[in-house]
């Protein structure tokens, strides 16, 4: 009775790639990044949008306090020097 109900297990599938092509992998990543347009892939970079993004990032950062203090010190020194020379000149 063991022969009638003997069920064989299916063979296992063990696939191991033989080589790795980094150029093909890079190309696939670029295709995924830029997306297909017909047979070609778009490679247009929007410089205006990139510049606007950088400008917004720069404007969103607060002005450093050290620069403000340095500027104030320079202005005070210039005013002092001007007042000193104007009094001496008269």
N, C-alpha and C. Protein backbone atom coordinates (compact mmCIF):
# COMPACT_ATOMS: atom_id res chain seq x y z
N UNK A 1 0.80 -1.18 0.00
CA UNK A 1 0.00 0.00 0.00
C UNK A 1 0.85 1.26 0.00
N UNK A 2 2.08 1.16 0.39
CA UNK A 2 2.98 2.30 0.41
C UNK A 2 3.33 2.79 -0.98
N UNK A 3 3.29 1.92 -1.97
CA UNK A 3 3.64 2.32 -3.33
C UNK A 3 2.52 3.15 -3.94
N UNK A 4 1.28 2.90 -3.63
CA UNK A 4 0.16 3.62 -4.22
C UNK A 4 0.11 5.06 -3.74
N UNK A 5 0.40 5.31 -2.49
CA UNK A 5 0.31 6.66 -1.92
C UNK A 5 1.67 7.34 -1.79
N UNK A 6 2.66 6.86 -2.49
CA UNK A 6 3.98 7.47 -2.44
C UNK A 6 3.98 8.74 -3.29
N UNK A 7 4.03 9.90 -2.64
CA UNK A 7 4.01 11.19 -3.33
C UNK A 7 5.42 11.78 -3.27
N UNK A 8 5.96 12.06 -4.45
CA UNK A 8 7.30 12.63 -4.51
C UNK A 8 7.26 14.13 -4.28
N UNK A 9 8.27 14.64 -3.63
CA UNK A 9 8.38 16.09 -3.42
C UNK A 9 8.85 16.74 -4.71
N UNK A 10 8.38 17.96 -4.99
CA UNK A 10 8.86 18.63 -6.20
C UNK A 10 10.32 19.07 -6.02
N UNK A 11 11.00 19.18 -7.15
CA UNK A 11 12.40 19.61 -7.11
C UNK A 11 12.50 21.08 -6.69
N UNK A 12 13.56 21.38 -5.99
CA UNK A 12 13.81 22.76 -5.56
C UNK A 12 14.46 23.54 -6.69
N UNK A 13 14.14 24.83 -6.75
CA UNK A 13 14.70 25.70 -7.78
C UNK A 13 15.77 26.57 -7.14
N UNK A 14 17.00 26.36 -7.50
CA UNK A 14 18.11 27.14 -6.98
C UNK A 14 18.79 27.87 -8.12
N UNK A 15 18.46 29.16 -8.29
CA UNK A 15 19.06 29.95 -9.35
C UNK A 15 20.15 30.84 -8.75
N UNK A 16 21.33 30.76 -9.27
CA UNK A 16 22.44 31.60 -8.85
C UNK A 16 22.99 32.30 -10.10
N UNK A 17 22.93 33.64 -10.12
CA UNK A 17 23.46 34.33 -11.30
C UNK A 17 24.97 34.13 -11.41
N UNK A 18 25.44 34.09 -12.64
CA UNK A 18 26.86 33.80 -12.88
C UNK A 18 27.72 35.05 -12.81
N UNK A 19 27.17 36.21 -13.17
CA UNK A 19 27.96 37.43 -13.12
C UNK A 19 27.05 38.61 -12.83
N UNK A 20 27.66 39.73 -12.43
CA UNK A 20 26.95 40.96 -12.11
C UNK A 20 27.46 42.04 -13.04
N UNK A 21 26.54 42.73 -13.71
CA UNK A 21 26.92 43.79 -14.64
C UNK A 21 26.57 45.14 -14.00
N UNK A 22 27.55 45.87 -13.48
CA UNK A 22 27.24 47.14 -12.83
C UNK A 22 26.72 48.20 -13.79
N UNK A 23 27.14 48.18 -15.05
CA UNK A 23 26.65 49.16 -16.02
C UNK A 23 25.16 48.96 -16.27
N UNK A 24 24.74 47.72 -16.38
CA UNK A 24 23.34 47.44 -16.61
C UNK A 24 22.51 47.86 -15.40
N UNK A 25 23.03 47.63 -14.21
CA UNK A 25 22.34 48.02 -12.99
C UNK A 25 22.20 49.54 -12.92
N UNK A 26 23.28 50.27 -13.27
CA UNK A 26 23.24 51.72 -13.26
C UNK A 26 22.23 52.25 -14.29
N UNK A 27 22.21 51.62 -15.48
CA UNK A 27 21.26 52.02 -16.51
C UNK A 27 19.82 51.81 -16.04
N UNK A 28 19.57 50.71 -15.37
CA UNK A 28 18.22 50.44 -14.86
C UNK A 28 17.82 51.47 -13.81
N UNK A 29 18.77 51.88 -12.98
CA UNK A 29 18.47 52.89 -11.97
C UNK A 29 18.17 54.23 -12.63
N UNK A 30 18.92 54.59 -13.67
CA UNK A 30 18.65 55.83 -14.38
C UNK A 30 17.30 55.80 -15.07
N UNK A 31 16.96 54.65 -15.65
CA UNK A 31 15.65 54.52 -16.30
C UNK A 31 14.54 54.69 -15.27
N UNK A 32 14.74 54.13 -14.09
CA UNK A 32 13.73 54.25 -13.05
C UNK A 32 13.64 55.69 -12.54
N UNK A 33 14.76 56.38 -12.49
CA UNK A 33 14.79 57.75 -11.99
C UNK A 33 14.12 58.73 -12.95
N UNK A 34 14.46 58.64 -14.23
CA UNK A 34 13.97 59.61 -15.19
C UNK A 34 12.69 59.17 -15.90
N UNK A 35 12.38 57.91 -15.89
CA UNK A 35 11.14 57.42 -16.49
C UNK A 35 11.19 57.38 -18.00
N UNK A 36 10.46 56.45 -18.57
CA UNK A 36 10.49 56.31 -20.03
C UNK A 36 9.60 57.34 -20.74
N UNK A 37 10.05 57.78 -21.89
CA UNK A 37 9.26 58.60 -22.80
C UNK A 37 9.42 57.96 -24.16
N UNK A 38 8.48 57.12 -24.53
CA UNK A 38 8.60 56.38 -25.79
C UNK A 38 9.78 55.45 -25.71
N UNK A 39 10.66 55.51 -26.70
CA UNK A 39 11.85 54.68 -26.71
C UNK A 39 13.03 55.36 -26.01
N UNK A 40 12.90 56.67 -25.80
CA UNK A 40 13.98 57.42 -25.19
C UNK A 40 13.64 57.71 -23.74
N UNK A 41 14.62 58.18 -23.02
CA UNK A 41 14.43 58.55 -21.63
C UNK A 41 14.76 60.02 -21.48
N UNK A 42 13.93 60.72 -20.71
CA UNK A 42 14.14 62.16 -20.58
C UNK A 42 15.39 62.44 -19.76
N UNK A 43 16.16 63.36 -20.23
CA UNK A 43 17.38 63.75 -19.54
C UNK A 43 17.40 65.24 -19.28
N UNK A 44 16.26 65.87 -19.32
CA UNK A 44 16.18 67.30 -19.15
C UNK A 44 16.24 67.64 -17.66
N UNK A 45 17.10 68.58 -17.33
CA UNK A 45 17.23 69.04 -15.95
C UNK A 45 16.64 70.44 -15.88
N UNK A 46 15.79 70.67 -14.93
CA UNK A 46 15.15 71.97 -14.78
C UNK A 46 16.03 72.86 -13.89
N UNK A 47 16.90 73.65 -14.53
CA UNK A 47 17.84 74.47 -13.79
C UNK A 47 17.13 75.57 -13.02
N UNK A 48 16.07 76.12 -13.60
CA UNK A 48 15.35 77.20 -12.94
C UNK A 48 14.74 76.71 -11.63
N UNK A 49 14.15 75.53 -11.66
CA UNK A 49 13.56 74.97 -10.44
C UNK A 49 14.64 74.68 -9.40
N UNK A 50 15.77 74.19 -9.85
CA UNK A 50 16.87 73.90 -8.92
C UNK A 50 17.39 75.18 -8.29
N UNK A 51 17.52 76.24 -9.09
CA UNK A 51 18.02 77.51 -8.55
C UNK A 51 17.00 78.11 -7.59
N UNK A 52 15.72 78.02 -7.93
CA UNK A 52 14.68 78.55 -7.03
C UNK A 52 14.67 77.79 -5.71
N UNK A 53 14.88 76.49 -5.79
CA UNK A 53 14.91 75.68 -4.57
C UNK A 53 16.07 76.10 -3.68
N UNK A 54 17.26 76.30 -4.29
CA UNK A 54 18.42 76.74 -3.51
C UNK A 54 18.19 78.13 -2.91
N UNK A 55 17.54 79.01 -3.68
CA UNK A 55 17.26 80.36 -3.20
C UNK A 55 16.33 80.32 -2.00
N UNK A 56 15.29 79.49 -2.09
CA UNK A 56 14.35 79.36 -0.98
C UNK A 56 15.02 78.78 0.26
N UNK A 57 15.92 77.81 0.06
CA UNK A 57 16.65 77.24 1.19
C UNK A 57 17.52 78.30 1.85
N UNK A 58 18.16 79.12 1.04
CA UNK A 58 19.05 80.15 1.57
C UNK A 58 18.26 81.22 2.32
N UNK A 59 17.09 81.60 1.78
CA UNK A 59 16.29 82.62 2.43
C UNK A 59 15.61 82.10 3.69
N UNK A 60 15.37 80.81 3.75
CA UNK A 60 14.68 80.27 4.92
C UNK A 60 15.60 80.16 6.13
N UNK A 61 16.92 80.14 5.90
CA UNK A 61 17.87 80.07 7.01
C UNK A 61 17.93 81.43 7.71
N UNK A 62 17.99 81.43 9.03
CA UNK A 62 18.10 82.71 9.74
C UNK A 62 19.48 83.32 9.56
N UNK A 63 19.53 84.63 9.64
CA UNK A 63 20.79 85.33 9.50
C UNK A 63 21.62 85.09 10.76
N UNK A 64 22.88 84.71 10.64
CA UNK A 64 23.70 84.39 11.82
C UNK A 64 23.92 85.60 12.71
N UNK A 65 23.81 85.38 14.01
CA UNK A 65 23.97 86.44 14.98
C UNK A 65 25.39 86.99 14.97
N UNK A 66 26.37 86.14 14.72
CA UNK A 66 27.76 86.60 14.70
C UNK A 66 27.99 87.62 13.59
N UNK A 67 27.36 87.42 12.46
CA UNK A 67 27.51 88.39 11.37
C UNK A 67 26.87 89.72 11.74
N UNK A 68 25.74 89.66 12.41
CA UNK A 68 25.06 90.90 12.83
C UNK A 68 25.93 91.65 13.81
N UNK A 69 26.50 90.94 14.79
CA UNK A 69 27.37 91.60 15.78
C UNK A 69 28.62 92.17 15.12
N UNK A 70 29.21 91.45 14.21
CA UNK A 70 30.40 91.94 13.51
C UNK A 70 30.08 93.19 12.71
N UNK A 71 28.96 93.17 12.00
CA UNK A 71 28.54 94.34 11.22
C UNK A 71 28.30 95.53 12.13
N UNK A 72 27.66 95.31 13.27
CA UNK A 72 27.38 96.40 14.21
C UNK A 72 28.69 96.97 14.76
N UNK A 73 29.66 96.12 15.07
CA UNK A 73 30.95 96.60 15.57
C UNK A 73 31.67 97.45 14.53
N UNK A 74 31.64 97.00 13.30
CA UNK A 74 32.29 97.76 12.22
C UNK A 74 31.62 99.12 12.05
N UNK A 75 30.31 99.18 12.11
CA UNK A 75 29.60 100.45 11.97
C UNK A 75 29.93 101.38 13.13
N UNK A 76 29.96 100.85 14.35
CA UNK A 76 30.28 101.67 15.52
C UNK A 76 31.71 102.21 15.40
N UNK A 77 32.63 101.38 14.96
CA UNK A 77 34.02 101.83 14.80
C UNK A 77 34.12 102.92 13.73
N UNK A 78 33.42 102.75 12.63
CA UNK A 78 33.45 103.78 11.58
C UNK A 78 32.87 105.10 12.07
N UNK A 79 31.77 105.04 12.81
CA UNK A 79 31.17 106.27 13.35
C UNK A 79 32.13 106.93 14.32
N UNK A 80 32.78 106.16 15.16
CA UNK A 80 33.76 106.71 16.11
C UNK A 80 34.92 107.38 15.38
N UNK A 81 35.46 106.72 14.38
CA UNK A 81 36.58 107.29 13.62
C UNK A 81 36.14 108.57 12.91
N UNK A 82 34.97 108.56 12.32
CA UNK A 82 34.49 109.78 11.64
C UNK A 82 34.31 110.93 12.62
N UNK A 83 33.71 110.67 13.77
CA UNK A 83 33.51 111.73 14.76
C UNK A 83 34.86 112.24 15.28
N UNK A 84 35.79 111.34 15.52
CA UNK A 84 37.12 111.73 16.03
C UNK A 84 37.85 112.63 15.04
N UNK A 85 37.84 112.25 13.74
CA UNK A 85 38.55 113.05 12.74
C UNK A 85 37.82 114.36 12.45
N UNK A 86 36.52 114.39 12.53
CA UNK A 86 35.77 115.63 12.29
C UNK A 86 36.07 116.63 13.39
N UNK A 87 36.14 116.18 14.64
CA UNK A 87 36.46 117.09 15.76
C UNK A 87 37.90 117.60 15.66
N UNK A 88 38.82 116.75 15.24
CA UNK A 88 40.21 117.15 15.12
C UNK A 88 40.42 118.11 13.97
N UNK A 89 39.63 117.97 12.96
CA UNK A 89 39.79 118.79 11.78
C UNK A 89 39.32 120.21 11.99
N UNK A 90 38.38 120.40 12.88
CA UNK A 90 37.82 121.75 13.09
C UNK A 90 38.64 122.57 13.98
